[in-house]
């Protein structure tokens, strides 16, 4: 089983299946609010595990931790299941506004996701960032970040609709719809980032190539300017 397949399975397990089971069978004994609050635990723990496993101690990791802490704090302060759902809509909308802000300030957040990913693959961070700031490449990242903002607004709108239609009783439906919607938009963003990456071409030297060039220079130093011709 490939890494992508395992990721999908674990995503379904920790973001949908386990939270659904906690909500379904813990609601009666714990009450709506505490069952809903507890159901967010598996996803948080799984995200933290992936954070440490992938060594995302960068802008991406900081964003994940910040949004997770903020969302958890809002959930704990909500006080009721319905307030928790409504507040989660506001949190998603705020994140969407943040993405739009980075787009308009020409520092699209998708660019930093991209740079972090390339750094993990061995590319120099500063060189990658400089290449990404080229006007033609930057525009692509602005589009990607716009899609990310649209995702936040779309999920907020869908959740608001489900809250109005089903109330707290529709929480199990929200778990599935929100995750599937997230996957769809993630796929679109991934395709967009692949297109942007293809435009970079061979602009970015790989650190391993630089190391090999340095080794070649050490083994074959250039002739000294003081060398006398005979």
Protein backbone atom coordinates (compact mmCIF):
# COMPACT_ATOMS: atom_id res chain seq x y z
CA UNK A 1 0.00 0.00 0.00
CA UNK A 2 1.41 3.35 -1.07
CA UNK A 3 1.91 6.37 1.15
CA UNK A 4 -0.95 8.26 -0.53
CA UNK A 5 -3.34 5.36 0.08
CA UNK A 6 -2.35 5.13 3.74
CA UNK A 7 -2.81 8.88 4.14
CA UNK A 8 -6.34 8.69 2.72
CA UNK A 9 -7.24 5.77 4.98
CA UNK A 10 -5.89 7.49 8.10
CA UNK A 11 -7.63 10.74 7.13
CA UNK A 12 -10.95 8.91 6.85
CA UNK A 13 -10.29 7.09 10.12
CA UNK A 14 -9.26 10.05 12.30
CA UNK A 15 -11.24 12.86 10.69
CA UNK A 16 -14.50 11.02 9.98
CA UNK A 17 -14.87 7.48 11.36
CA UNK A 18 -13.60 7.87 14.94
CA UNK A 19 -15.24 11.31 15.48
CA UNK A 20 -18.51 9.91 14.11
CA UNK A 21 -18.37 6.93 16.50
CA UNK A 22 -17.63 9.21 19.48
CA UNK A 23 -20.53 11.47 18.55
CA UNK A 24 -22.93 8.62 17.80
CA UNK A 25 -22.31 6.56 20.92
CA UNK A 26 -21.13 9.21 23.36
CA UNK A 27 -23.85 11.76 22.76
CA UNK A 28 -26.39 10.17 25.07
CA UNK A 29 -24.06 9.77 28.04
CA UNK A 30 -21.88 12.86 27.58
CA UNK A 31 -24.37 15.30 26.12
CA UNK A 32 -24.15 17.12 22.78
CA UNK A 33 -21.44 19.61 23.70
CA UNK A 34 -18.96 17.27 25.38
CA UNK A 35 -19.48 14.53 22.80
CA UNK A 36 -18.81 17.03 20.03
CA UNK A 37 -15.80 18.44 21.87
CA UNK A 38 -14.37 14.97 22.46
CA UNK A 39 -14.91 14.04 18.82
CA UNK A 40 -12.42 16.72 17.75
CA UNK A 41 -9.64 15.03 19.75
CA UNK A 42 -8.65 12.27 17.28
CA UNK A 43 -8.23 14.76 14.44
CA UNK A 44 -6.12 17.07 16.60
CA UNK A 45 -3.85 14.26 17.80
CA UNK A 46 -3.48 12.87 14.29
CA UNK A 47 -2.59 16.31 12.92
CA UNK A 48 0.03 16.77 15.66
CA UNK A 49 1.47 13.34 14.83
CA UNK A 50 1.77 14.24 11.14
CA UNK A 51 3.26 17.59 12.13
CA UNK A 52 6.07 15.86 14.02
CA UNK A 53 6.49 13.05 11.50
CA UNK A 54 6.89 15.39 8.54
CA UNK A 55 9.10 17.75 10.55
CA UNK A 56 7.00 20.75 9.56
CA UNK A 57 8.81 23.20 11.85
CA UNK A 58 8.31 26.05 9.40
CA UNK A 59 5.64 28.51 8.25
CA UNK A 60 3.30 25.65 7.35
CA UNK A 61 3.73 24.00 10.73
CA UNK A 62 3.31 27.29 12.57
CA UNK A 63 0.08 27.95 10.67
CA UNK A 64 -1.25 24.47 11.48
CA UNK A 65 -0.45 24.82 15.17
CA UNK A 66 -1.85 28.35 15.39
CA UNK A 67 -5.15 27.47 13.71
CA UNK A 68 -5.45 24.29 15.75
CA UNK A 69 -4.86 26.07 19.07
CA UNK A 70 -7.24 28.88 18.10
CA UNK A 71 -9.97 26.48 17.02
CA UNK A 72 -9.59 24.40 20.17
CA UNK A 73 -9.74 27.52 22.36
CA UNK A 74 -12.91 28.67 20.59
CA UNK A 75 -14.46 25.21 21.05
CA UNK A 76 -13.67 25.19 24.77
CA UNK A 77 -15.09 28.68 25.24
CA UNK A 78 -18.26 28.02 23.25
CA UNK A 79 -20.09 26.37 26.13
CA UNK A 80 -22.69 24.60 23.99
CA UNK A 81 -22.79 22.35 20.94
CA UNK A 82 -24.72 24.82 18.81
CA UNK A 83 -22.41 27.71 19.72
CA UNK A 84 -19.43 25.49 18.94
CA UNK A 85 -20.76 24.82 15.43
CA UNK A 86 -21.60 28.45 14.76
CA UNK A 87 -18.21 29.64 16.04
CA UNK A 88 -16.43 27.15 13.79
CA UNK A 89 -18.12 28.86 10.83
CA UNK A 90 -16.69 32.19 11.95
CA UNK A 91 -13.22 30.70 12.43
CA UNK A 92 -13.23 29.32 8.87
CA UNK A 93 -14.37 32.67 7.51
CA UNK A 94 -11.58 34.50 9.38
CA UNK A 95 -9.00 32.11 7.92
CA UNK A 96 -10.44 32.78 4.48
CA UNK A 97 -10.09 36.53 5.00
CA UNK A 98 -6.49 35.99 6.12
CA UNK A 99 -5.73 34.08 2.90
CA UNK A 100 -7.24 36.90 0.83
CA UNK A 101 -5.17 39.46 2.75
CA UNK A 102 -1.93 37.63 1.93
CA UNK A 103 -3.00 37.52 -1.71
CA UNK A 104 -3.65 41.25 -1.94
CA UNK A 105 -0.35 42.06 -0.17
CA UNK A 106 1.51 39.95 -2.76
CA UNK A 107 2.66 37.47 -0.13
CA UNK A 108 0.23 34.65 -0.96
CA UNK A 109 0.22 32.00 1.72
CA UNK A 110 0.27 29.15 -0.81
CA UNK A 111 3.74 30.33 -1.77
CA UNK A 112 5.04 29.59 1.73
CA UNK A 113 3.45 26.13 1.68
CA UNK A 114 5.28 25.56 -1.59
CA UNK A 115 8.62 26.89 -0.32
CA UNK A 116 8.37 24.76 2.85
CA UNK A 117 7.70 21.66 0.76
CA UNK A 118 10.62 22.33 -1.56
CA UNK A 119 12.90 22.95 1.40
CA UNK A 120 12.04 19.50 2.76
CA UNK A 121 13.03 18.08 -0.64
CA UNK A 122 16.47 19.66 -0.34
CA UNK A 123 16.13 22.96 -2.18
CA UNK A 124 17.60 26.15 -0.81
CA UNK A 125 14.83 28.15 0.88
CA UNK A 126 16.04 31.63 -0.07
CA UNK A 127 16.61 30.70 -3.72
CA UNK A 128 13.19 29.08 -3.93
CA UNK A 129 11.49 32.09 -2.36
CA UNK A 130 13.28 34.47 -4.72
CA UNK A 131 12.15 32.44 -7.73
CA UNK A 132 8.58 32.32 -6.42
CA UNK A 133 8.48 36.12 -6.18
CA UNK A 134 8.95 36.43 -9.95
CA UNK A 135 5.79 38.19 -11.24
CA UNK A 136 4.65 35.33 -13.49
CA UNK A 137 5.13 32.74 -10.73
CA UNK A 138 3.71 34.99 -8.01
CA UNK A 139 0.45 35.34 -9.93
CA UNK A 140 0.04 31.56 -9.88
CA UNK A 141 0.44 31.49 -6.11
CA UNK A 142 -2.09 34.28 -5.77
CA UNK A 143 -4.59 32.15 -7.68
CA UNK A 144 -3.79 29.13 -5.47
CA UNK A 145 -4.27 31.18 -2.32
CA UNK A 146 -7.52 32.55 -3.71
CA UNK A 147 -8.73 28.96 -4.12
CA UNK A 148 -7.72 28.26 -0.51
CA UNK A 149 -9.75 31.27 0.60
CA UNK A 150 -12.70 30.08 -1.48
CA UNK A 151 -12.47 26.73 0.27
CA UNK A 152 -12.83 28.39 3.67
CA UNK A 153 -15.81 30.45 2.55
CA UNK A 154 -17.44 27.47 0.82
CA UNK A 155 -17.11 25.20 3.86
CA UNK A 156 -18.39 28.00 6.08
CA UNK A 157 -21.42 28.46 3.84
CA UNK A 158 -22.17 24.74 3.63
CA UNK A 159 -21.82 24.30 7.39
CA UNK A 160 -24.05 27.32 8.03
CA UNK A 161 -26.67 25.78 5.74
CA UNK A 162 -26.48 22.40 7.50
CA UNK A 163 -26.72 24.07 10.91
CA UNK A 164 -29.85 25.92 9.80
CA UNK A 165 -31.41 22.81 8.33
CA UNK A 166 -30.47 20.10 10.85
CA UNK A 167 -29.13 21.94 13.89
CA UNK A 168 -26.86 19.98 16.20
CA UNK A 169 -28.47 16.73 15.00
CA UNK A 170 -26.72 17.19 11.66
CA UNK A 171 -23.22 17.10 13.13
CA UNK A 172 -22.55 13.61 11.76
CA UNK A 173 -23.47 14.81 8.27
CA UNK A 174 -21.21 17.83 8.68
CA UNK A 175 -18.22 15.59 9.49
CA UNK A 176 -18.54 13.83 6.14
CA UNK A 177 -19.51 16.85 4.02
CA UNK A 178 -16.75 19.06 5.44
CA UNK A 179 -14.07 16.46 4.91
CA UNK A 180 -15.14 15.61 1.35
CA UNK A 181 -15.38 19.31 0.48
CA UNK A 182 -11.91 19.81 1.92
CA UNK A 183 -10.51 16.96 -0.18
CA UNK A 184 -12.03 18.39 -3.36
CA UNK A 185 -10.54 21.83 -2.81
CA UNK A 186 -7.21 20.32 -1.72
CA UNK A 187 -7.10 18.42 -4.99
CA UNK A 188 -7.75 21.60 -6.97
CA UNK A 189 -5.03 23.48 -5.05
CA UNK A 190 -2.59 20.59 -5.56
CA UNK A 191 -3.16 20.60 -9.32
CA UNK A 192 -2.71 24.38 -9.39
CA UNK A 193 0.56 24.10 -7.43
CA UNK A 194 1.83 21.42 -9.80
CA UNK A 195 1.19 23.77 -12.73
CA UNK A 196 3.05 26.55 -10.93
CA UNK A 197 5.93 24.20 -10.12
CA UNK A 198 6.21 23.20 -13.78
CA UNK A 199 6.70 26.85 -14.70
CA UNK A 200 9.72 27.08 -12.43
CA UNK A 201 11.48 24.55 -14.64
CA UNK A 202 15.17 24.35 -13.92
CA UNK A 203 15.35 27.70 -12.15
CA UNK A 204 16.11 26.06 -8.82
CA UNK A 205 19.44 24.31 -8.24
CA UNK A 206 19.19 21.38 -5.84
CA UNK A 207 21.31 21.44 -2.70
CA UNK A 208 22.73 18.01 -3.55
CA UNK A 209 23.89 19.34 -6.91
CA UNK A 210 25.51 22.30 -5.16
CA UNK A 211 27.27 19.93 -2.75
CA UNK A 212 28.59 17.88 -5.70
CA UNK A 213 29.84 21.04 -7.40
CA UNK A 214 31.61 22.07 -4.20
CA UNK A 215 33.22 18.61 -3.95
CA UNK A 216 34.40 18.86 -7.58
CA UNK A 217 35.90 22.26 -6.87
CA UNK A 218 37.68 20.88 -3.81
CA UNK A 219 39.05 17.90 -5.74
CA UNK A 220 39.95 19.95 -8.81
CA UNK A 221 40.90 23.43 -7.62
CA UNK A 222 41.35 26.09 -10.30
CA UNK A 223 44.94 26.81 -11.32
CA UNK A 224 46.67 29.44 -9.24
CA UNK A 225 47.17 32.83 -10.79
CA UNK A 226 50.78 32.66 -9.58
CA UNK A 227 51.48 29.52 -11.62
CA UNK A 228 54.28 30.20 -14.13
CA UNK A 229 54.09 28.91 -17.65
CA UNK A 230 57.18 27.00 -18.72
